[in-house]
């Protein structure tokens, strides 16, 4: 079971939108039983990011963490969604 964190600046607005889209995608891909979804704000998670297998963020993260975080903005803009989902799949299978 993979732990997937979706975070934004406040843990309310954009992370909710992204969480709902990721939930729907996981269900469509029949992967929803393989993932536990968490939603939060970045300030609450900075010291705990290593507790998650996959992190999707719609806000800026420190440079030292960028390689471990998937950019969730494509789910807000509609540009680059497939590539973003491919990154999630890669981390799920890794």
Protein backbone atom coordinates (compact mmCIF):
# COMPACT_ATOMS: atom_id res chain seq x y z
CA UNK A 1 0.00 0.00 0.00
CA UNK A 2 1.51 3.32 -1.09
CA UNK A 3 1.03 6.57 0.83
CA UNK A 4 0.28 9.49 -1.49
CA UNK A 5 0.32 13.03 -0.10
CA UNK A 6 -1.33 15.88 -1.96
CA UNK A 7 -0.42 19.27 -0.60
CA UNK A 8 -0.85 22.93 -1.36
CA UNK A 9 -0.16 26.19 0.45
CA UNK A 10 -3.14 26.03 2.80
CA UNK A 11 -4.31 22.42 2.53
CA UNK A 12 -7.78 23.54 1.47
CA UNK A 13 -8.51 24.78 -2.02
CA UNK A 14 -6.13 23.52 -4.68
CA UNK A 15 -5.19 20.35 -2.82
CA UNK A 16 -8.90 19.47 -2.63
CA UNK A 17 -9.28 19.87 -6.39
CA UNK A 18 -6.17 17.79 -7.06
CA UNK A 19 -7.17 15.14 -4.52
CA UNK A 20 -10.55 14.64 -6.18
CA UNK A 21 -8.97 14.36 -9.63
CA UNK A 22 -6.33 11.91 -8.43
CA UNK A 23 -9.01 9.83 -6.65
CA UNK A 24 -11.02 9.62 -9.88
CA UNK A 25 -7.92 8.71 -11.90
CA UNK A 26 -6.90 6.02 -9.40
CA UNK A 27 -10.41 4.56 -9.58
CA UNK A 28 -10.41 4.64 -13.40
CA UNK A 29 -7.03 2.89 -13.42
CA UNK A 30 -8.26 0.37 -10.82
CA UNK A 31 -5.44 1.48 -8.49
CA UNK A 32 -7.58 3.00 -5.74
CA UNK A 33 -7.07 -0.04 -3.50
CA UNK A 34 -3.28 0.31 -3.72
CA UNK A 35 -3.05 3.87 -2.36
CA UNK A 36 -3.87 5.74 0.83
CA UNK A 37 -4.45 9.42 0.04
CA UNK A 38 -3.49 12.21 2.41
CA UNK A 39 -4.17 15.92 1.97
CA UNK A 40 -2.40 18.70 3.80
CA UNK A 41 -0.62 22.04 3.66
CA UNK A 42 3.09 22.24 3.05
CA UNK A 43 3.93 23.88 6.38
CA UNK A 44 2.50 20.87 8.23
CA UNK A 45 4.43 18.35 6.12
CA UNK A 46 7.93 19.75 5.61
CA UNK A 47 9.43 17.67 8.41
CA UNK A 48 7.47 14.54 7.49
CA UNK A 49 7.80 14.24 3.73
CA UNK A 50 9.88 11.07 4.03
CA UNK A 51 6.81 9.32 5.51
CA UNK A 52 5.12 9.29 2.08
CA UNK A 53 5.89 7.20 -1.00
CA UNK A 54 4.47 9.77 -3.43
CA UNK A 55 4.06 13.53 -2.99
CA UNK A 56 2.07 15.76 -5.33
CA UNK A 57 2.26 19.47 -4.65
CA UNK A 58 0.61 22.52 -6.17
CA UNK A 59 2.89 24.89 -4.28
CA UNK A 60 6.60 25.62 -4.29
CA UNK A 61 8.78 23.20 -2.36
CA UNK A 62 12.38 23.71 -1.22
CA UNK A 63 14.95 22.92 -3.93
CA UNK A 64 16.33 20.09 -1.83
CA UNK A 65 12.97 18.31 -2.09
CA UNK A 66 12.08 18.97 -5.73
CA UNK A 67 13.31 15.64 -7.06
CA UNK A 68 10.98 13.78 -4.68
CA UNK A 69 7.88 15.87 -5.37
CA UNK A 70 5.59 15.66 -8.39
CA UNK A 71 4.21 18.97 -9.66
CA UNK A 72 0.41 18.85 -9.35
CA UNK A 73 -0.22 22.10 -11.23
CA UNK A 74 -1.08 20.23 -14.47
CA UNK A 75 -4.32 19.13 -12.81
CA UNK A 76 -5.20 22.80 -12.37
CA UNK A 77 -4.10 24.02 -15.80
CA UNK A 78 -4.91 20.97 -17.92
CA UNK A 79 -1.42 21.03 -19.46
CA UNK A 80 0.87 18.05 -18.89
CA UNK A 81 -1.63 15.86 -17.06
CA UNK A 82 -0.57 12.59 -18.73
CA UNK A 83 3.10 13.18 -17.88
CA UNK A 84 2.16 13.92 -14.28
CA UNK A 85 0.13 10.71 -14.01
CA UNK A 86 3.04 8.81 -15.59
CA UNK A 87 5.26 10.10 -12.77
CA UNK A 88 2.76 8.87 -10.18
CA UNK A 89 2.64 5.44 -11.84
CA UNK A 90 6.42 5.27 -11.91
CA UNK A 91 6.61 5.99 -8.18
CA UNK A 92 3.83 3.50 -7.46
CA UNK A 93 5.72 0.77 -9.28
CA UNK A 94 9.12 1.78 -7.90
